[in-house]
Amino acid sequence: MNKGEKAFKDWLDSKQYPYIWIDQSPESFPKFLSGISKRPDFFVVIKNFGMIAIDVKERNKYKDFIVDEKEITKYLEFERTVRIPVWFVFGKEDEKFKSWYWIPLTKVLECELKTSHSGPQDPFRAINSSDCITLQAKIDGLERLLKD
């Protein structure tokens, strides 16, 4: 578990939200999904709504949040297979994870597809923080996701 995932888990615990942390070890991943799908870091239950799958990303380096297009394709397959909505949650260590930036996979697909001008030319989605629902860690709760 990286720093962002740990901070997110701590936030869920502080709010007493029900969740399931997903073991990311290779031996815990079913062979029928291997290579075609990814698995989330958490399943989070939102009362009176249902369960969502969360992939936590820690970002500091770029102005926008970046998600590789190959990863997005794999999460689309996961979402289609298990019928659970996938959300990305971005946190910034330089902000001490005081805010969480939430965006559903369906909205990520609307973000601009780009390629790097230097290094590998693999396509990625650039997600501006204004595209996300921002939850202030000490103030906001999951109910804000349902308002926007």
C-alpha atoms as a PDB file:
ATOM      1  CA  MET A   1       0.000   0.000   0.000  1.00  0.00           C
ATOM      2  CA  ASN A   2       1.515   3.341  -1.044  1.00  0.00           C
ATOM      3  CA  LYS A   3       1.236   6.622   0.907  1.00  0.00           C
ATOM      4  CA  GLY A   4      -1.830   7.779  -1.008  1.00  0.00           C
ATOM      5  CA  GLU A   5      -3.690   4.498  -0.484  1.00  0.00           C
ATOM      6  CA  LYS A   6      -2.771   4.515   3.214  1.00  0.00           C
ATOM      7  CA  ALA A   7      -3.945   8.118   3.642  1.00  0.00           C
ATOM      8  CA  PHE A   8      -7.193   7.273   1.823  1.00  0.00           C
ATOM      9  CA  LYS A   9      -7.732   4.218   4.036  1.00  0.00           C
ATOM     10  CA  ASP A  10      -7.121   6.390   7.109  1.00  0.00           C
ATOM     11  CA  TRP A  11      -9.678   8.913   5.792  1.00  0.00           C
ATOM     12  CA  LEU A  12     -12.267   6.160   5.257  1.00  0.00           C
ATOM     13  CA  ASP A  13     -11.616   4.881   8.785  1.00  0.00           C
ATOM     14  CA  SER A  14     -11.883   8.394  10.284  1.00  0.00           C
ATOM     15  CA  LYS A  15     -15.290   8.817   8.609  1.00  0.00           C
ATOM     16  CA  GLN A  16     -16.312   5.251   9.579  1.00  0.00           C
ATOM     17  CA  TYR A  17     -17.201   4.352   5.987  1.00  0.00           C
ATOM     18  CA  PRO A  18     -17.550   0.676   5.149  1.00  0.00           C
ATOM     19  CA  TYR A  19     -14.976  -0.537   2.633  1.00  0.00           C
ATOM     20  CA  ILE A  20     -13.042  -3.547   1.459  1.00  0.00           C
ATOM     21  CA  TRP A  21      -9.346  -3.160   0.716  1.00  0.00           C
ATOM     22  CA  ILE A  22      -8.308  -5.264  -2.296  1.00  0.00           C
ATOM     23  CA  ASP A  23      -5.098  -7.292  -2.078  1.00  0.00           C
ATOM     24  CA  GLN A  24      -2.944  -6.349  -5.082  1.00  0.00           C
ATOM     25  CA  SER A  25      -0.611  -9.356  -5.028  1.00  0.00           C
ATOM     26  CA  PRO A  26      -0.414 -11.247  -8.357  1.00  0.00           C
ATOM     27  CA  GLU A  27      -1.551 -14.554  -6.838  1.00  0.00           C
ATOM     28  CA  SER A  28      -4.809 -12.957  -5.644  1.00  0.00           C
ATOM     29  CA  PHE A  29      -5.875 -11.950  -9.180  1.00  0.00           C
ATOM     30  CA  PRO A  30      -8.102 -14.414 -11.073  1.00  0.00           C
ATOM     31  CA  LYS A  31      -6.531 -15.830 -14.243  1.00  0.00           C
ATOM     32  CA  PHE A  32      -9.599 -15.136 -16.394  1.00  0.00           C
ATOM     33  CA  LEU A  33      -9.083 -11.369 -15.885  1.00  0.00           C
ATOM     34  CA  SER A  34      -5.298 -11.421 -16.104  1.00  0.00           C
ATOM     35  CA  GLY A  35      -3.998  -9.137 -18.839  1.00  0.00           C
ATOM     36  CA  ILE A  36      -7.409  -7.762 -19.838  1.00  0.00           C
ATOM     37  CA  SER A  37      -8.509  -6.080 -16.639  1.00  0.00           C
ATOM     38  CA  LYS A  38      -7.299  -4.223 -13.582  1.00  0.00           C
ATOM     39  CA  ARG A  39      -8.632  -4.387 -10.086  1.00  0.00           C
ATOM     40  CA  PRO A  40      -9.380  -1.452  -7.836  1.00  0.00           C
ATOM     41  CA  ASP A  41      -7.693  -0.654  -4.546  1.00  0.00           C
ATOM     42  CA  PHE A  42     -10.962  -0.475  -2.605  1.00  0.00           C
ATOM     43  CA  PHE A  43     -14.653  -1.230  -2.768  1.00  0.00           C
ATOM     44  CA  VAL A  44     -16.492   1.509  -0.869  1.00  0.00           C
ATOM     45  CA  VAL A  45     -20.120   1.316   0.206  1.00  0.00           C
ATOM     46  CA  ILE A  46     -22.152   4.509  -0.072  1.00  0.00           C
ATOM     47  CA  LYS A  47     -25.246   4.242   2.102  1.00  0.00           C
ATOM     48  CA  ASN A  48     -28.517   4.072   0.134  1.00  0.00           C
ATOM     49  CA  PHE A  49     -26.565   4.114  -3.137  1.00  0.00           C
ATOM     50  CA  GLY A  50     -24.443   0.993  -3.407  1.00  0.00           C
ATOM     51  CA  MET A  51     -20.852   0.007  -3.909  1.00  0.00           C
ATOM     52  CA  ILE A  52     -18.205   1.704  -6.043  1.00  0.00           C
ATOM     53  CA  ALA A  53     -14.728   0.549  -6.994  1.00  0.00           C
ATOM     54  CA  ILE A  54     -11.927   2.995  -6.198  1.00  0.00           C
ATOM     55  CA  ASP A  55      -8.459   3.283  -7.686  1.00  0.00           C
ATOM     56  CA  VAL A  56      -6.405   5.669  -5.555  1.00  0.00           C
ATOM     57  CA  LYS A  57      -3.730   7.676  -7.338  1.00  0.00           C
ATOM     58  CA  GLU A  58      -1.070   9.781  -5.687  1.00  0.00           C
ATOM     59  CA  ARG A  59       0.042  12.752  -7.778  1.00  0.00           C
ATOM     60  CA  ASN A  60       2.533  15.565  -7.228  1.00  0.00           C
ATOM     61  CA  LYS A  61       4.559  16.053 -10.384  1.00  0.00           C
ATOM     62  CA  TYR A  62       2.058  17.278 -12.984  1.00  0.00           C
ATOM     63  CA  LYS A  63      -0.438  20.125 -13.190  1.00  0.00           C
ATOM     64  CA  ASP A  64      -3.135  17.691 -14.330  1.00  0.00           C
ATOM     65  CA  PHE A  65      -3.841  14.214 -13.031  1.00  0.00           C
ATOM     66  CA  ILE A  66      -2.668  11.649 -15.576  1.00  0.00           C
ATOM     67  CA  VAL A  67      -4.118   8.204 -16.278  1.00  0.00           C
ATOM     68  CA  ASP A  68      -2.616   5.937 -18.925  1.00  0.00           C
ATOM     69  CA  GLU A  69      -5.105   4.964 -21.651  1.00  0.00           C
ATOM     70  CA  LYS A  70      -4.154   1.266 -21.321  1.00  0.00           C
ATOM     71  CA  GLU A  71      -5.158   1.408 -17.654  1.00  0.00           C
ATOM     72  CA  ILE A  72      -8.448   3.080 -18.554  1.00  0.00           C
ATOM     73  CA  THR A  73      -9.199   0.320 -21.088  1.00  0.00           C
ATOM     74  CA  LYS A  74      -8.537  -2.326 -18.430  1.00  0.00           C
ATOM     75  CA  TYR A  75     -10.801  -0.572 -15.937  1.00  0.00           C
ATOM     76  CA  LEU A  76     -13.539  -0.362 -18.561  1.00  0.00           C
ATOM     77  CA  GLU A  77     -13.306  -4.149 -18.887  1.00  0.00           C
ATOM     78  CA  PHE A  78     -13.460  -4.521 -15.103  1.00  0.00           C
ATOM     79  CA  GLU A  79     -16.526  -2.268 -14.908  1.00  0.00           C
ATOM     80  CA  ARG A  80     -18.265  -4.179 -17.713  1.00  0.00           C
ATOM     81  CA  THR A  81     -17.456  -7.552 -16.169  1.00  0.00           C
ATOM     82  CA  VAL A  82     -18.473  -6.904 -12.562  1.00  0.00           C
ATOM     83  CA  ARG A  83     -21.053  -4.123 -13.112  1.00  0.00           C
ATOM     84  CA  ILE A  84     -19.611  -1.942 -10.360  1.00  0.00           C
ATOM     85  CA  PRO A  85     -18.811   1.703 -11.223  1.00  0.00           C
ATOM     86  CA  VAL A  86     -15.105   2.590 -11.146  1.00  0.00           C
ATOM     87  CA  TRP A  87     -13.927   5.906  -9.748  1.00  0.00           C
ATOM     88  CA  PHE A  88     -10.439   7.382  -9.587  1.00  0.00           C
ATOM     89  CA  VAL A  89      -9.499   9.246  -6.416  1.00  0.00           C
ATOM     90  CA  PHE A  90      -6.434  11.459  -6.590  1.00  0.00           C
ATOM     91  CA  GLY A  91      -4.529  12.713  -3.580  1.00  0.00           C
ATOM     92  CA  LYS A  92      -1.512  14.968  -3.359  1.00  0.00           C
ATOM     93  CA  GLU A  93       1.176  14.258  -0.810  1.00  0.00           C
ATOM     94  CA  ASP A  94       2.382  17.865  -1.057  1.00  0.00           C
ATOM     95  CA  GLU A  95      -1.112  18.869   0.207  1.00  0.00           C
ATOM     96  CA  LYS A  96      -0.787  16.246   2.956  1.00  0.00           C
ATOM     97  CA  PHE A  97      -3.873  14.548   1.462  1.00  0.00           C
ATOM     98  CA  LYS A  98      -6.142  17.291   2.829  1.00  0.00           C
ATOM     99  CA  SER A  99      -8.281  17.037  -0.319  1.00  0.00           C
ATOM    100  CA  TRP A 100      -9.411  14.091  -2.401  1.00  0.00           C
ATOM    101  CA  TYR A 101     -10.206  14.601  -6.076  1.00  0.00           C
ATOM    102  CA  TRP A 102     -12.881  12.156  -7.280  1.00  0.00           C
ATOM    103  CA  ILE A 103     -13.857  11.389 -10.867  1.00  0.00           C
ATOM    104  CA  PRO A 104     -15.865   8.484 -12.292  1.00  0.00           C
ATOM    105  CA  LEU A 105     -14.369   6.447 -15.109  1.00  0.00           C
ATOM    106  CA  THR A 106     -17.206   7.538 -17.411  1.00  0.00           C
ATOM    107  CA  LYS A 107     -16.168  11.181 -16.985  1.00  0.00           C
ATOM    108  CA  VAL A 108     -12.473  10.361 -17.445  1.00  0.00           C
ATOM    109  CA  LEU A 109     -13.383   9.225 -20.962  1.00  0.00           C
ATOM    110  CA  GLU A 110     -14.475  12.807 -21.706  1.00  0.00           C
ATOM    111  CA  CYS A 111     -11.053  14.201 -20.749  1.00  0.00           C
ATOM    112  CA  GLU A 112      -8.534  15.063 -23.426  1.00  0.00           C
ATOM    113  CA  LEU A 113      -6.509  12.195 -24.876  1.00  0.00           C
ATOM    114  CA  LYS A 114      -2.859  13.218 -25.217  1.00  0.00           C
ATOM    115  CA  THR A 115       0.564  11.781 -25.960  1.00  0.00           C
ATOM    116  CA  SER A 116       3.855  12.836 -24.433  1.00  0.00           C
ATOM    117  CA  HIS A 117       6.139  15.166 -26.388  1.00  0.00           C
ATOM    118  CA  SER A 118       9.130  13.495 -24.772  1.00  0.00           C
ATOM    119  CA  GLY A 119       9.676   9.862 -23.946  1.00  0.00           C
ATOM    120  CA  PRO A 120       7.163   7.128 -24.745  1.00  0.00           C
ATOM    121  CA  GLN A 121       4.272   8.076 -27.008  1.00  0.00           C
ATOM    122  CA  ASP A 122       1.683   6.067 -25.064  1.00  0.00           C
ATOM    123  CA  PRO A 123      -1.664   7.884 -24.936  1.00  0.00           C
ATOM    124  CA  PHE A 124      -3.019   9.138 -21.618  1.00  0.00           C
ATOM    125  CA  ARG A 125      -5.913  11.197 -20.293  1.00  0.00           C
ATOM    126  CA  ALA A 126      -5.160  14.561 -18.702  1.00  0.00           C
ATOM    127  CA  ILE A 127      -7.642  15.234 -15.905  1.00  0.00           C
ATOM    128  CA  ASN A 128      -7.841  18.753 -14.556  1.00  0.00           C
ATOM    129  CA  SER A 129      -8.766  19.114 -10.891  1.00  0.00           C
ATOM    130  CA  SER A 130     -11.795  21.167 -12.037  1.00  0.00           C
ATOM    131  CA  ASP A 131     -13.108  17.980 -13.725  1.00  0.00           C
ATOM    132  CA  CYS A 132     -13.163  16.285 -10.322  1.00  0.00           C
ATOM    133  CA  ILE A 133     -15.433  16.454  -7.318  1.00  0.00           C
ATOM    134  CA  THR A 134     -13.172  17.760  -4.572  1.00  0.00           C
ATOM    135  CA  LEU A 135     -13.770  16.493  -1.050  1.00  0.00           C
ATOM    136  CA  GLN A 136     -12.050  18.315   1.789  1.00  0.00           C
ATOM    137  CA  ALA A 137     -10.818  15.513   4.046  1.00  0.00           C
ATOM    138  CA  LYS A 138     -11.890  17.077   7.352  1.00  0.00           C
ATOM    139  CA  ILE A 139     -15.181  18.574   6.157  1.00  0.00           C
ATOM    140  CA  ASP A 140     -16.782  16.641   3.319  1.00  0.00           C
ATOM    141  CA  GLY A 141     -18.249  13.187   3.193  1.00  0.00           C
ATOM    142  CA  LEU A 142     -19.259  10.773   0.454  1.00  0.00           C
ATOM    143  CA  GLU A 143     -22.713  12.323   0.190  1.00  0.00           C
ATOM    144  CA  ARG A 144     -21.081  15.154  -1.833  1.00  0.00           C
ATOM    145  CA  LEU A 145     -20.494  12.657  -4.639  1.00  0.00           C
ATOM    146  CA  LEU A 146     -24.234  12.299  -5.069  1.00  0.00           C
ATOM    147  CA  LYS A 147     -24.902  16.055  -5.229  1.00  0.00           C
ATOM    148  CA  ASP A 148     -22.675  16.912  -8.189  1.00  0.00           C
END
